[in-house]
Amino acid sequence: QELRASLLEMQAHADKQSHIVWALRGHVQRQRQEMVAQQQRLGQI
């Protein structure tokens, strides 16, 4: 029973971390796009 409870708790943490990683990947992708756009503007300047 204790192992089941620990497993459920670890699942809740894994799900939360998975969501955080997904959100961070989205941020990194937007930042890359912004960097590419900024490099293009810098090149134009």
All heavy atoms as atom14 arrays in JSON, in Angstrom:
{
  "sequence": "QELRASLLEMQAHADKQSHIVWALRGHVQRQRQEMVAQQQRLGQI",
  "atom14_mask": [
    [1, 1, 1, 1, 1, 1, 1, 1, 1, 0, 0, 0, 0, 0],
    [1, 1, 1, 1, 1, 1, 1, 1, 1, 0, 0, 0, 0, 0],
    [1, 1, 1, 1, 1, 1, 1, 1, 0, 0, 0, 0, 0, 0],
    [1, 1, 1, 1, 1, 1, 1, 1, 1, 1, 1, 0, 0, 0],
    [1, 1, 1, 1, 1, 0, 0, 0, 0, 0, 0, 0, 0, 0],
    [1, 1, 1, 1, 1, 1, 0, 0, 0, 0, 0, 0, 0, 0],
    [1, 1, 1, 1, 1, 1, 1, 1, 0, 0, 0, 0, 0, 0],
    [1, 1, 1, 1, 1, 1, 1, 1, 0, 0, 0, 0, 0, 0],
    [1, 1, 1, 1, 1, 1, 1, 1, 1, 0, 0, 0, 0, 0],
    [1, 1, 1, 1, 1, 1, 1, 1, 0, 0, 0, 0, 0, 0],
    [1, 1, 1, 1, 1, 1, 1, 1, 1, 0, 0, 0, 0, 0],
    [1, 1, 1, 1, 1, 0, 0, 0, 0, 0, 0, 0, 0, 0],
    [1, 1, 1, 1, 1, 1, 1, 1, 1, 1, 0, 0, 0, 0],
    [1, 1, 1, 1, 1, 0, 0, 0, 0, 0, 0, 0, 0, 0],
    [1, 1, 1, 1, 1, 1, 1, 1, 0, 0, 0, 0, 0, 0],
    [1, 1, 1, 1, 1, 1, 1, 1, 1, 0, 0, 0, 0, 0],
    [1, 1, 1, 1, 1, 1, 1, 1, 1, 0, 0, 0, 0, 0],
    [1, 1, 1, 1, 1, 1, 0, 0, 0, 0, 0, 0, 0, 0],
    [1, 1, 1, 1, 1, 1, 1, 1, 1, 1, 0, 0, 0, 0],
    [1, 1, 1, 1, 1, 1, 1, 1, 0, 0, 0, 0, 0, 0],
    [1, 1, 1, 1, 1, 1, 1, 0, 0, 0, 0, 0, 0, 0],
    [1, 1, 1, 1, 1, 1, 1, 1, 1, 1, 1, 1, 1, 1],
    [1, 1, 1, 1, 1, 0, 0, 0, 0, 0, 0, 0, 0, 0],
    [1, 1, 1, 1, 1, 1, 1, 1, 0, 0, 0, 0, 0, 0],
    [1, 1, 1, 1, 1, 1, 1, 1, 1, 1, 1, 0, 0, 0],
    [1, 1, 1, 1, 0, 0, 0, 0, 0, 0, 0, 0, 0, 0],
    [1, 1, 1, 1, 1, 1, 1, 1, 1, 1, 0, 0, 0, 0],
    [1, 1, 1, 1, 1, 1, 1, 0, 0, 0, 0, 0, 0, 0],
    [1, 1, 1, 1, 1, 1, 1, 1, 1, 0, 0, 0, 0, 0],
    [1, 1, 1, 1, 1, 1, 1, 1, 1, 1, 1, 0, 0, 0],
    [1, 1, 1, 1, 1, 1, 1, 1, 1, 0, 0, 0, 0, 0],
    [1, 1, 1, 1, 1, 1, 1, 1, 1, 1, 1, 0, 0, 0],
    [1, 1, 1, 1, 1, 1, 1, 1, 1, 0, 0, 0, 0, 0],
    [1, 1, 1, 1, 1, 1, 1, 1, 1, 0, 0, 0, 0, 0],
    [1, 1, 1, 1, 1, 1, 1, 1, 0, 0, 0, 0, 0, 0],
    [1, 1, 1, 1, 1, 1, 1, 0, 0, 0, 0, 0, 0, 0],
    [1, 1, 1, 1, 1, 0, 0, 0, 0, 0, 0, 0, 0, 0],
    [1, 1, 1, 1, 1, 1, 1, 1, 1, 0, 0, 0, 0, 0],
    [1, 1, 1, 1, 1, 1, 1, 1, 1, 0, 0, 0, 0, 0],
    [1, 1, 1, 1, 1, 1, 1, 1, 1, 0, 0, 0, 0, 0],
    [1, 1, 1, 1, 1, 1, 1, 1, 1, 1, 1, 0, 0, 0],
    [1, 1, 1, 1, 1, 1, 1, 1, 0, 0, 0, 0, 0, 0],
    [1, 1, 1, 1, 0, 0, 0, 0, 0, 0, 0, 0, 0, 0],
    [1, 1, 1, 1, 1, 1, 1, 1, 1, 0, 0, 0, 0, 0],
    [1, 1, 1, 1, 1, 1, 1, 1, 0, 0, 0, 0, 0, 0]
  ],
  "atom14_positions": [
    [[0.84, -1.21, 0.0], [0.0, 0.0, 0.0], [0.87, 1.25, 0.0], [0.59, 2.21, -0.72], [-0.93, 0.0, 1.23], [-1.88, 1.17, 1.27], [-2.84, 1.17, 0.1], [-3.23, 0.14, -0.41], [-3.21, 2.35, -0.35], [0.0, 0.0, 0.0], [0.0, 0.0, 0.0], [0.0, 0.0, 0.0], [0.0, 0.0, 0.0], [0.0, 0.0, 0.0]],
    [[1.93, 1.24, 0.79], [2.85, 2.38, 0.81], [3.51, 2.57, -0.55], [3.67, 3.7, -1.03], [3.92, 2.19, 1.88], [3.41, 2.34, 3.3], [4.49, 2.08, 4.34], [5.68, 2.18, 4.0], [4.13, 1.78, 5.49], [0.0, 0.0, 0.0], [0.0, 0.0, 0.0], [0.0, 0.0, 0.0], [0.0, 0.0, 0.0], [0.0, 0.0, 0.0]],
    [[3.89, 1.46, -1.19], [4.5, 1.55, -2.52], [3.52, 2.11, -3.54], [3.9, 2.93, -4.4], [5.0, 0.17, -2.97], [6.26, -0.33, -2.29], [6.55, -1.77, -2.72], [7.44, 0.55, -2.63], [0.0, 0.0, 0.0], [0.0, 0.0, 0.0], [0.0, 0.0, 0.0], [0.0, 0.0, 0.0], [0.0, 0.0, 0.0], [0.0, 0.0, 0.0]],
    [[2.26, 1.69, -3.46], [1.25, 2.23, -4.37], [1.11, 3.74, -4.18], [1.04, 4.49, -5.15], [-0.1, 1.55, -4.14], [-0.19, 0.18, -4.75], [-1.63, -0.36, -4.66], [-1.58, -1.8, -4.65], [-1.71, -2.57, -3.59], [-1.93, -2.04, -2.4], [-1.64, -3.87, -3.68], [0.0, 0.0, 0.0], [0.0, 0.0, 0.0], [0.0, 0.0, 0.0]],
    [[1.06, 4.16, -2.92], [0.93, 5.58, -2.63], [2.15, 6.35, -3.15], [2.01, 7.42, -3.77], [0.76, 5.81, -1.13], [0.0, 0.0, 0.0], [0.0, 0.0, 0.0], [0.0, 0.0, 0.0], [0.0, 0.0, 0.0], [0.0, 0.0, 0.0], [0.0, 0.0, 0.0], [0.0, 0.0, 0.0], [0.0, 0.0, 0.0], [0.0, 0.0, 0.0]],
    [[3.34, 5.8, -2.95], [4.57, 6.45, -3.44], [4.58, 6.5, -4.96], [4.97, 7.51, -5.55], [5.81, 5.69, -2.95], [5.93, 5.78, -1.56], [0.0, 0.0, 0.0], [0.0, 0.0, 0.0], [0.0, 0.0, 0.0], [0.0, 0.0, 0.0], [0.0, 0.0, 0.0], [0.0, 0.0, 0.0], [0.0, 0.0, 0.0], [0.0, 0.0, 0.0]],
    [[4.13, 5.43, -5.58], [4.09, 5.39, -7.05], [3.13, 6.44, -7.58], [3.45, 7.13, -8.56], [3.67, 4.0, -7.52], [3.62, 3.78, -9.02], [4.99, 4.03, -9.65], [3.12, 2.39, -9.35], [0.0, 0.0, 0.0], [0.0, 0.0, 0.0], [0.0, 0.0, 0.0], [0.0, 0.0, 0.0], [0.0, 0.0, 0.0], [0.0, 0.0, 0.0]],
    [[1.97, 6.56, -6.95], [1.02, 7.59, -7.38], [1.62, 8.98, -7.21], [1.47, 9.84, -8.08], [-0.29, 7.48, -6.58], [-1.19, 6.32, -6.96], [-2.38, 6.23, -6.01], [-1.67, 6.48, -8.4], [0.0, 0.0, 0.0], [0.0, 0.0, 0.0], [0.0, 0.0, 0.0], [0.0, 0.0, 0.0], [0.0, 0.0, 0.0], [0.0, 0.0, 0.0]],
    [[2.29, 9.21, -6.11], [2.93, 10.51, -5.87], [4.01, 10.78, -6.91], [4.12, 11.88, -7.45], [3.52, 10.54, -4.46], [4.04, 11.9, -4.05], [4.56, 11.9, -2.63], [4.06, 11.11, -1.81], [5.47, 12.69, -2.36], [0.0, 0.0, 0.0], [0.0, 0.0, 0.0], [0.0, 0.0, 0.0], [0.0, 0.0, 0.0], [0.0, 0.0, 0.0]],
    [[4.8, 9.78, -7.2], [5.86, 9.94, -8.2], [5.28, 10.17, -9.59], [5.84, 10.93, -10.39], [6.77, 8.7, -8.21], [7.63, 8.58, -6.97], [8.49, 7.0, -6.84], [9.57, 7.09, -8.25], [0.0, 0.0, 0.0], [0.0, 0.0, 0.0], [0.0, 0.0, 0.0], [0.0, 0.0, 0.0], [0.0, 0.0, 0.0], [0.0, 0.0, 0.0]],
    [[4.07, 9.57, -9.88], [3.41, 9.76, -11.17], [2.99, 11.2, -11.33], [3.12, 11.8, -12.37], [2.21, 8.81, -11.31], [1.54, 8.88, -12.66], [2.46, 8.46, -13.79], [3.18, 7.49, -13.67], [2.43, 9.18, -14.89], [0.0, 0.0, 0.0], [0.0, 0.0, 0.0], [0.0, 0.0, 0.0], [0.0, 0.0, 0.0], [0.0, 0.0, 0.0]],
    [[2.35, 11.75, -10.1], [1.88, 13.15, -10.11], [3.01, 14.07, -10.45], [2.91, 14.98, -11.26], [1.29, 13.52, -8.76], [0.0, 0.0, 0.0], [0.0, 0.0, 0.0], [0.0, 0.0, 0.0], [0.0, 0.0, 0.0], [0.0, 0.0, 0.0], [0.0, 0.0, 0.0], [0.0, 0.0, 0.0], [0.0, 0.0, 0.0], [0.0, 0.0, 0.0]],
    [[4.38, 13.77, -9.79], [5.57, 14.59, -10.03], [6.03, 14.43, -11.47], [6.43, 15.41, -12.12], [6.69, 14.21, -9.07], [6.44, 14.63, -7.66], [6.35, 15.94, -7.27], [6.24, 13.9, -6.53], [6.13, 16.02, -5.98], [6.05, 14.78, -5.49], [0.0, 0.0, 0.0], [0.0, 0.0, 0.0], [0.0, 0.0, 0.0], [0.0, 0.0, 0.0]],
    [[5.99, 13.19, -11.99], [6.43, 12.94, -13.37], [5.52, 13.68, -14.35], [6.01, 14.28, -15.32], [6.42, 11.44, -13.66], [0.0, 0.0, 0.0], [0.0, 0.0, 0.0], [0.0, 0.0, 0.0], [0.0, 0.0, 0.0], [0.0, 0.0, 0.0], [0.0, 0.0, 0.0], [0.0, 0.0, 0.0], [0.0, 0.0, 0.0], [0.0, 0.0, 0.0]],
    [[4.22, 13.65, -14.11], [3.29, 14.37, -15.0], [3.57, 15.87, -14.96], [3.58, 16.53, -16.01], [1.85, 14.09, -14.59], [1.42, 12.65, -14.87], [2.11, 11.97, -15.66], [0.4, 12.23, -14.31], [0.0, 0.0, 0.0], [0.0, 0.0, 0.0], [0.0, 0.0, 0.0], [0.0, 0.0, 0.0], [0.0, 0.0, 0.0], [0.0, 0.0, 0.0]],
    [[3.79, 16.39, -13.77], [4.06, 17.83, -13.63], [5.36, 18.2, -14.33], [5.43, 19.19, -15.07], [4.14, 18.18, -12.14], [4.27, 19.66, -11.87], [4.24, 19.93, -10.37], [4.35, 21.41, -10.06], [4.32, 21.66, -8.62], [0.0, 0.0, 0.0], [0.0, 0.0, 0.0], [0.0, 0.0, 0.0], [0.0, 0.0, 0.0], [0.0, 0.0, 0.0]],
    [[6.41, 17.38, -14.13], [7.69, 17.65, -14.78], [7.58, 17.52, -16.3], [8.19, 18.29, -17.04], [8.77, 16.72, -14.23], [9.18, 17.08, -12.82], [10.19, 16.1, -12.24], [10.44, 15.05, -12.82], [10.76, 16.45, -11.1], [0.0, 0.0, 0.0], [0.0, 0.0, 0.0], [0.0, 0.0, 0.0], [0.0, 0.0, 0.0], [0.0, 0.0, 0.0]],
    [[6.8, 16.58, -16.76], [6.59, 16.41, -18.2], [5.94, 17.67, -18.78], [6.32, 18.14, -19.85], [5.71, 15.19, -18.45], [5.44, 15.05, -19.83], [0.0, 0.0, 0.0], [0.0, 0.0, 0.0], [0.0, 0.0, 0.0], [0.0, 0.0, 0.0], [0.0, 0.0, 0.0], [0.0, 0.0, 0.0], [0.0, 0.0, 0.0], [0.0, 0.0, 0.0]],
    [[4.97, 18.21, -18.07], [4.3, 19.43, -18.52], [5.3, 20.6, -18.52], [5.31, 21.4, -19.47], [3.11, 19.75, -17.61], [2.39, 21.0, -18.01], [1.61, 21.08, -19.14], [2.36, 22.22, -17.44], [1.13, 22.3, -19.24], [1.56, 23.02, -18.22], [0.0, 0.0, 0.0], [0.0, 0.0, 0.0], [0.0, 0.0, 0.0], [0.0, 0.0, 0.0]],
    [[6.14, 20.68, -17.48], [7.13, 21.76, -17.41], [8.12, 21.64, -18.58], [8.45, 22.65, -19.23], [7.87, 21.73, -16.05], [6.91, 22.15, -14.94], [9.09, 22.62, -16.07], [7.45, 21.94, -13.54], [0.0, 0.0, 0.0], [0.0, 0.0, 0.0], [0.0, 0.0, 0.0], [0.0, 0.0, 0.0], [0.0, 0.0, 0.0], [0.0, 0.0, 0.0]],
    [[8.59, 20.41, -18.86], [9.52, 20.2, -19.98], [8.84, 20.6, -21.29], [9.46, 21.25, -22.15], [10.01, 18.74, -20.01], [10.71, 18.41, -21.31], [10.92, 18.46, -18.83], [0.0, 0.0, 0.0], [0.0, 0.0, 0.0], [0.0, 0.0, 0.0], [0.0, 0.0, 0.0], [0.0, 0.0, 0.0], [0.0, 0.0, 0.0], [0.0, 0.0, 0.0]],
    [[7.6, 20.25, -21.47], [6.87, 20.61, -22.69], [6.78, 22.12, -22.82], [7.02, 22.68, -23.92], [5.47, 19.98, -22.64], [4.6, 20.35, -23.78], [4.62, 19.83, -25.03], [3.58, 21.36, -23.78], [3.68, 20.44, -25.81], [3.02, 21.38, -25.07], [3.1, 22.22, -22.8], [2.0, 22.24, -25.41], [2.08, 23.09, -23.15], [1.53, 23.1, -24.45]],
    [[6.47, 22.79, -21.7], [6.38, 24.25, -21.74], [7.74, 24.87, -22.04], [7.85, 25.83, -22.83], [5.83, 24.78, -20.41], [0.0, 0.0, 0.0], [0.0, 0.0, 0.0], [0.0, 0.0, 0.0], [0.0, 0.0, 0.0], [0.0, 0.0, 0.0], [0.0, 0.0, 0.0], [0.0, 0.0, 0.0], [0.0, 0.0, 0.0], [0.0, 0.0, 0.0]],
    [[8.81, 24.35, -21.43], [10.16, 24.87, -21.68], [10.58, 24.66, -23.14], [11.22, 25.55, -23.73], [11.18, 24.22, -20.74], [11.11, 24.67, -19.28], [12.05, 23.83, -18.43], [11.44, 26.15, -19.16], [0.0, 0.0, 0.0], [0.0, 0.0, 0.0], [0.0, 0.0, 0.0], [0.0, 0.0, 0.0], [0.0, 0.0, 0.0], [0.0, 0.0, 0.0]],
    [[10.22, 23.55, -23.73], [10.54, 23.32, -25.14], [9.85, 24.37, -26.01], [10.43, 24.86, -26.98], [10.12, 21.92, -25.58], [11.05, 20.85, -25.13], [10.67, 19.51, -25.68], [11.59, 18.49, -25.22], [11.36, 17.21, -25.28], [10.23, 16.77, -25.79], [12.26, 16.35, -24.84], [0.0, 0.0, 0.0], [0.0, 0.0, 0.0], [0.0, 0.0, 0.0]],
    [[8.62, 24.67, -25.65], [7.9, 25.72, -26.39], [8.62, 27.06, -26.27], [8.78, 27.78, -27.27], [0.0, 0.0, 0.0], [0.0, 0.0, 0.0], [0.0, 0.0, 0.0], [0.0, 0.0, 0.0], [0.0, 0.0, 0.0], [0.0, 0.0, 0.0], [0.0, 0.0, 0.0], [0.0, 0.0, 0.0], [0.0, 0.0, 0.0], [0.0, 0.0, 0.0]],
    [[9.06, 27.41, -25.04], [9.78, 28.67, -24.83], [11.09, 28.69, -25.63], [11.44, 29.69, -26.26], [10.09, 28.9, -23.35], [8.88, 29.24, -22.54], [8.12, 30.36, -22.76], [8.31, 28.61, -21.47], [7.12, 30.4, -21.88], [7.23, 29.35, -21.09], [0.0, 0.0, 0.0], [0.0, 0.0, 0.0], [0.0, 0.0, 0.0], [0.0, 0.0, 0.0]],
    [[11.83, 27.58, -25.58], [13.11, 27.49, -26.3], [12.87, 27.65, -27.81], [13.61, 28.36, -28.5], [13.83, 26.16, -25.98], [14.99, 25.91, -26.93], [14.3, 26.15, -24.54], [0.0, 0.0, 0.0], [0.0, 0.0, 0.0], [0.0, 0.0, 0.0], [0.0, 0.0, 0.0], [0.0, 0.0, 0.0], [0.0, 0.0, 0.0], [0.0, 0.0, 0.0]],
    [[11.81, 27.03, -28.33], [11.52, 27.14, -29.75], [11.19, 28.59, -30.13], [11.67, 29.11, -31.13], [10.37, 26.21, -30.13], [10.1, 26.14, -31.62], [9.01, 25.13, -31.93], [8.39, 24.57, -31.05], [8.78, 24.91, -33.21], [0.0, 0.0, 0.0], [0.0, 0.0, 0.0], [0.0, 0.0, 0.0], [0.0, 0.0, 0.0], [0.0, 0.0, 0.0]],
    [[10.4, 29.26, -29.3], [10.07, 30.68, -29.57], [11.32, 31.54, -29.49], [11.52, 32.44, -30.31], [9.01, 31.17, -28.59], [7.6, 30.78, -28.99], [6.54, 31.5, -28.18], [6.59, 31.24, -26.73], [6.07, 30.15, -26.16], [5.49, 29.23, -26.9], [6.16, 29.98, -24.86], [0.0, 0.0, 0.0], [0.0, 0.0, 0.0], [0.0, 0.0, 0.0]],
    [[12.18, 31.26, -28.49], [13.41, 32.04, -28.37], [14.32, 31.82, -29.58], [14.95, 32.77, -30.06], [14.14, 31.69, -27.07], [13.46, 32.25, -25.83], [14.17, 31.86, -24.54], [15.06, 31.01, -24.55], [13.78, 32.49, -23.44], [0.0, 0.0, 0.0], [0.0, 0.0, 0.0], [0.0, 0.0, 0.0], [0.0, 0.0, 0.0], [0.0, 0.0, 0.0]],
    [[14.39, 30.62, -30.1], [15.18, 30.36, -31.31], [14.62, 31.15, -32.49], [15.37, 31.73, -33.28], [15.2, 28.87, -31.64], [16.14, 28.09, -30.8], [16.24, 26.65, -31.26], [17.08, 25.89, -30.35], [16.99, 24.59, -30.16], [16.09, 23.9, -30.82], [17.81, 23.99, -29.33], [0.0, 0.0, 0.0], [0.0, 0.0, 0.0], [0.0, 0.0, 0.0]],
    [[13.32, 31.14, -32.6], [12.69, 31.89, -33.69], [12.97, 33.38, -33.55], [13.28, 34.07, -34.54], [11.18, 31.63, -33.73], [10.8, 30.23, -34.16], [9.32, 29.93, -33.98], [8.58, 30.7, -33.35], [8.89, 28.81, -34.52], [0.0, 0.0, 0.0], [0.0, 0.0, 0.0], [0.0, 0.0, 0.0], [0.0, 0.0, 0.0], [0.0, 0.0, 0.0]],
    [[12.89, 33.87, -32.29], [13.18, 35.29, -32.05], [14.65, 35.6, -32.36], [14.96, 36.65, -32.93], [12.85, 35.68, -30.61], [11.36, 35.76, -30.33], [11.06, 36.09, -28.87], [11.98, 36.53, -28.14], [9.92, 35.89, -28.46], [0.0, 0.0, 0.0], [0.0, 0.0, 0.0], [0.0, 0.0, 0.0], [0.0, 0.0, 0.0], [0.0, 0.0, 0.0]],
    [[15.55, 34.66, -31.99], [16.97, 34.88, -32.28], [17.22, 34.92, -33.79], [17.99, 35.76, -34.29], [17.83, 33.78, -31.64], [18.03, 33.98, -30.14], [19.0, 32.67, -29.38], [20.52, 32.79, -30.23], [0.0, 0.0, 0.0], [0.0, 0.0, 0.0], [0.0, 0.0, 0.0], [0.0, 0.0, 0.0], [0.0, 0.0, 0.0], [0.0, 0.0, 0.0]],
    [[16.58, 34.02, -34.53], [16.73, 34.01, -35.98], [16.22, 35.34, -36.55], [16.88, 35.98, -37.4], [16.0, 32.81, -36.62], [15.89, 32.95, -38.13], [16.69, 31.51, -36.25], [0.0, 0.0, 0.0], [0.0, 0.0, 0.0], [0.0, 0.0, 0.0], [0.0, 0.0, 0.0], [0.0, 0.0, 0.0], [0.0, 0.0, 0.0], [0.0, 0.0, 0.0]],
    [[15.05, 35.78, -36.05], [14.5, 37.05, -36.54], [15.42, 38.21, -36.16], [15.66, 39.12, -36.98], [13.1, 37.26, -35.96], [0.0, 0.0, 0.0], [0.0, 0.0, 0.0], [0.0, 0.0, 0.0], [0.0, 0.0, 0.0], [0.0, 0.0, 0.0], [0.0, 0.0, 0.0], [0.0, 0.0, 0.0], [0.0, 0.0, 0.0], [0.0, 0.0, 0.0]],
    [[15.96, 38.2, -34.93], [16.87, 39.26, -34.5], [18.16, 39.24, -35.32], [18.7, 40.3, -35.68], [17.18, 39.15, -33.01], [16.03, 39.57, -32.12], [16.36, 39.35, -30.64], [17.42, 38.86, -30.3], [15.42, 39.75, -29.79], [0.0, 0.0, 0.0], [0.0, 0.0, 0.0], [0.0, 0.0, 0.0], [0.0, 0.0, 0.0], [0.0, 0.0, 0.0]],
    [[18.67, 38.03, -35.63], [19.88, 37.94, -36.45], [19.61, 38.49, -37.87], [20.47, 39.16, -38.46], [20.39, 36.5, -36.51], [21.08, 36.07, -35.23], [21.53, 34.62, -35.28], [21.16, 33.87, -36.18], [22.33, 34.23, -34.29], [0.0, 0.0, 0.0], [0.0, 0.0, 0.0], [0.0, 0.0, 0.0], [0.0, 0.0, 0.0], [0.0, 0.0, 0.0]],
    [[18.43, 38.23, -38.37], [18.1, 38.77, -39.68], [18.02, 40.3, -39.63], [18.54, 41.0, -40.5], [16.77, 38.21, -40.19], [16.85, 36.76, -40.62], [15.5, 36.18, -41.0], [14.45, 36.8, -40.81], [15.52, 34.98, -41.54], [0.0, 0.0, 0.0], [0.0, 0.0, 0.0], [0.0, 0.0, 0.0], [0.0, 0.0, 0.0], [0.0, 0.0, 0.0]],
    [[17.39, 40.85, -38.59], [17.32, 42.3, -38.44], [18.72, 42.88, -38.24], [19.04, 43.94, -38.8], [16.42, 42.68, -37.26], [14.95, 42.66, -37.66], [14.07, 43.19, -36.56], [13.36, 42.02, -36.0], [13.06, 41.85, -34.75], [13.34, 42.77, -33.87], [12.44, 40.79, -34.36], [0.0, 0.0, 0.0], [0.0, 0.0, 0.0], [0.0, 0.0, 0.0]],
    [[19.52, 42.19, -37.44], [20.89, 42.66, -37.21], [21.67, 42.66, -38.52], [22.41, 43.62, -38.82], [21.58, 41.78, -36.16], [23.01, 42.17, -35.77], [23.03, 43.57, -35.18], [23.59, 41.16, -34.8], [0.0, 0.0, 0.0], [0.0, 0.0, 0.0], [0.0, 0.0, 0.0], [0.0, 0.0, 0.0], [0.0, 0.0, 0.0], [0.0, 0.0, 0.0]],
    [[21.48, 41.61, -39.3], [22.13, 41.56, -40.6], [21.69, 42.71, -41.5], [22.5, 43.33, -42.2], [0.0, 0.0, 0.0], [0.0, 0.0, 0.0], [0.0, 0.0, 0.0], [0.0, 0.0, 0.0], [0.0, 0.0, 0.0], [0.0, 0.0, 0.0], [0.0, 0.0, 0.0], [0.0, 0.0, 0.0], [0.0, 0.0, 0.0], [0.0, 0.0, 0.0]],
    [[20.4, 43.01, -41.46], [19.88, 44.12, -42.26], [20.45, 45.46, -41.76], [20.84, 46.32, -42.57], [18.34, 44.17, -42.22], [17.68, 43.01, -42.93], [16.17, 42.96, -42.68], [15.63, 43.71, -41.86], [15.49, 42.06, -43.37], [0.0, 0.0, 0.0], [0.0, 0.0, 0.0], [0.0, 0.0, 0.0], [0.0, 0.0, 0.0], [0.0, 0.0, 0.0]],
    [[20.53, 45.6, -40.45], [21.06, 46.84, -39.87], [22.53, 46.99, -40.24], [22.99, 48.06, -40.63], [20.86, 46.89, -38.35], [19.38, 47.0, -38.01], [21.66, 48.02, -37.71], [19.04, 46.86, -36.55], [0.0, 0.0, 0.0], [0.0, 0.0, 0.0], [0.0, 0.0, 0.0], [0.0, 0.0, 0.0], [0.0, 0.0, 0.0], [0.0, 0.0, 0.0]]
  ]
}
